[in-house]
Amino acid sequence: MPPNDGGPAFPYAQRLPSGNIDTVHQNPGLSIRDWFAGMALQGLLAGRHTVKAMVTGITTPNRDMSQDEVSEWTYSYADAMLIARQAG
């Protein structure tokens, strides 16, 4: 089962000159899960050594995270934010 993506983050629909919404050309945009992961990525890249230590509990000198680790971490964080969001 695919993870909960939170729905669209920035949905939009084309408005026709008549004022009606064009239901054929609606675009859901980026998912909230993708948005949260992108924000987590931005924070991670801004202070990766601090975040790496916080996430993994590493107390020895930090190593750089691989791209795969970064991707997994950001989506893991996004999933946690979606759960917290649902809990309200």
C-alpha atoms as a PDB file:
ATOM      1  CA  MET A   1       0.000   0.000   0.000  1.00  0.00           C
ATOM      2  CA  PRO A   2       1.476   3.392  -0.918  1.00  0.00           C
ATOM      3  CA  PRO A   3       2.154   5.749   1.990  1.00  0.00           C
ATOM      4  CA  ASN A   4      -0.289   8.507   2.827  1.00  0.00           C
ATOM      5  CA  ASP A   5       0.815  11.478   0.731  1.00  0.00           C
ATOM      6  CA  GLY A   6      -1.370  13.981   2.589  1.00  0.00           C
ATOM      7  CA  GLY A   7      -3.137  15.095  -0.555  1.00  0.00           C
ATOM      8  CA  PRO A   8      -2.149  17.975  -2.802  1.00  0.00           C
ATOM      9  CA  ALA A   9       0.005  20.740  -1.314  1.00  0.00           C
ATOM     10  CA  PHE A  10      -0.650  23.347  -4.002  1.00  0.00           C
ATOM     11  CA  PRO A  11      -3.611  22.253  -6.124  1.00  0.00           C
ATOM     12  CA  TYR A  12      -4.846  24.454  -8.868  1.00  0.00           C
ATOM     13  CA  ALA A  13      -7.439  24.391 -11.598  1.00  0.00           C
ATOM     14  CA  GLN A  14      -7.637  26.461 -14.734  1.00  0.00           C
ATOM     15  CA  ARG A  15     -10.435  29.009 -14.659  1.00  0.00           C
ATOM     16  CA  LEU A  16     -12.172  29.406 -17.992  1.00  0.00           C
ATOM     17  CA  PRO A  17     -13.076  32.859 -19.366  1.00  0.00           C
ATOM     18  CA  SER A  18     -16.677  32.057 -18.389  1.00  0.00           C
ATOM     19  CA  GLY A  19     -15.575  31.847 -14.744  1.00  0.00           C
ATOM     20  CA  ASN A  20     -16.160  28.104 -14.554  1.00  0.00           C
ATOM     21  CA  ILE A  21     -13.438  25.710 -13.448  1.00  0.00           C
ATOM     22  CA  ASP A  22     -11.981  23.570 -16.245  1.00  0.00           C
ATOM     23  CA  THR A  23     -12.342  20.102 -14.717  1.00  0.00           C
ATOM     24  CA  VAL A  24     -10.364  18.537 -17.570  1.00  0.00           C
ATOM     25  CA  HIS A  25      -7.179  20.480 -16.808  1.00  0.00           C
ATOM     26  CA  GLN A  26      -7.095  20.327 -13.005  1.00  0.00           C
ATOM     27  CA  ASN A  27      -3.672  19.611 -11.545  1.00  0.00           C
ATOM     28  CA  PRO A  28      -3.240  18.354  -7.981  1.00  0.00           C
ATOM     29  CA  GLY A  29       0.282  19.768  -7.800  1.00  0.00           C
ATOM     30  CA  LEU A  30       2.887  18.567  -5.342  1.00  0.00           C
ATOM     31  CA  SER A  31       1.767  16.232  -2.554  1.00  0.00           C
ATOM     32  CA  ILE A  32       2.042  17.397   1.038  1.00  0.00           C
ATOM     33  CA  ARG A  33       4.364  14.419   1.673  1.00  0.00           C
ATOM     34  CA  ASP A  34       6.689  15.623  -1.090  1.00  0.00           C
ATOM     35  CA  TRP A  35       6.521  19.178   0.254  1.00  0.00           C
ATOM     36  CA  PHE A  36       7.398  18.026   3.791  1.00  0.00           C
ATOM     37  CA  ALA A  37      10.267  15.888   2.448  1.00  0.00           C
ATOM     38  CA  GLY A  38      11.576  18.855   0.470  1.00  0.00           C
ATOM     39  CA  MET A  39      11.499  21.057   3.544  1.00  0.00           C
ATOM     40  CA  ALA A  40      13.288  18.367   5.568  1.00  0.00           C
ATOM     41  CA  LEU A  41      15.878  18.092   2.786  1.00  0.00           C
ATOM     42  CA  GLN A  42      16.443  21.833   2.859  1.00  0.00           C
ATOM     43  CA  GLY A  43      17.068  21.740   6.614  1.00  0.00           C
ATOM     44  CA  LEU A  44      19.266  18.685   6.334  1.00  0.00           C
ATOM     45  CA  LEU A  45      21.484  20.235   3.695  1.00  0.00           C
ATOM     46  CA  ALA A  46      21.720  23.492   5.645  1.00  0.00           C
ATOM     47  CA  GLY A  47      23.038  21.765   8.771  1.00  0.00           C
ATOM     48  CA  ARG A  48      23.683  18.168   7.855  1.00  0.00           C
ATOM     49  CA  HIS A  49      26.211  17.332  10.575  1.00  0.00           C
ATOM     50  CA  THR A  50      23.903  18.408  13.383  1.00  0.00           C
ATOM     51  CA  VAL A  51      20.909  16.677  11.829  1.00  0.00           C
ATOM     52  CA  LYS A  52      22.859  13.466  11.171  1.00  0.00           C
ATOM     53  CA  ALA A  53      23.859  13.262  14.812  1.00  0.00           C
ATOM     54  CA  MET A  54      20.299  13.997  15.950  1.00  0.00           C
ATOM     55  CA  VAL A  55      18.665  11.429  13.670  1.00  0.00           C
ATOM     56  CA  THR A  56      21.068   8.538  14.194  1.00  0.00           C
ATOM     57  CA  GLY A  57      22.328   9.237  17.695  1.00  0.00           C
ATOM     58  CA  ILE A  58      25.915   9.299  16.433  1.00  0.00           C
ATOM     59  CA  THR A  59      28.222  10.914  18.961  1.00  0.00           C
ATOM     60  CA  THR A  60      31.454  10.233  17.092  1.00  0.00           C
ATOM     61  CA  PRO A  61      32.581  12.461  14.203  1.00  0.00           C
ATOM     62  CA  ASN A  62      29.892  12.441  11.554  1.00  0.00           C
ATOM     63  CA  ARG A  63      30.285  11.120   8.053  1.00  0.00           C
ATOM     64  CA  ASP A  64      28.465  12.481   5.055  1.00  0.00           C
ATOM     65  CA  MET A  65      25.157  10.808   4.280  1.00  0.00           C
ATOM     66  CA  SER A  66      24.724   9.090   0.938  1.00  0.00           C
ATOM     67  CA  GLN A  67      22.043  10.386  -1.412  1.00  0.00           C
ATOM     68  CA  ASP A  68      19.981   7.268  -0.671  1.00  0.00           C
ATOM     69  CA  GLU A  69      20.230   7.911   3.085  1.00  0.00           C
ATOM     70  CA  VAL A  70      19.233  11.529   2.597  1.00  0.00           C
ATOM     71  CA  SER A  71      16.193  10.527   0.527  1.00  0.00           C
ATOM     72  CA  GLU A  72      15.099   7.886   3.031  1.00  0.00           C
ATOM     73  CA  TRP A  73      15.567  10.264   5.952  1.00  0.00           C
ATOM     74  CA  THR A  74      13.578  13.102   4.395  1.00  0.00           C
ATOM     75  CA  TYR A  75      10.608  10.897   3.500  1.00  0.00           C
ATOM     76  CA  SER A  76      10.730   9.236   6.908  1.00  0.00           C
ATOM     77  CA  TYR A  77      10.534  12.681   8.476  1.00  0.00           C
ATOM     78  CA  ALA A  78       7.698  13.652   6.099  1.00  0.00           C
ATOM     79  CA  ASP A  79       5.746  10.523   7.067  1.00  0.00           C
ATOM     80  CA  ALA A  80       6.170  11.384  10.751  1.00  0.00           C
ATOM     81  CA  MET A  81       4.899  14.912  10.103  1.00  0.00           C
ATOM     82  CA  LEU A  82       1.829  13.538   8.299  1.00  0.00           C
ATOM     83  CA  ILE A  83       1.066  11.280  11.283  1.00  0.00           C
ATOM     84  CA  ALA A  84       1.413  14.223  13.669  1.00  0.00           C
ATOM     85  CA  ARG A  85      -0.771  16.310  11.394  1.00  0.00           C
ATOM     86  CA  GLN A  86      -3.545  13.691  11.460  1.00  0.00           C
ATOM     87  CA  ALA A  87      -3.346  13.440  15.248  1.00  0.00           C
ATOM     88  CA  GLY A  88      -4.142  17.153  15.287  1.00  0.00           C
END
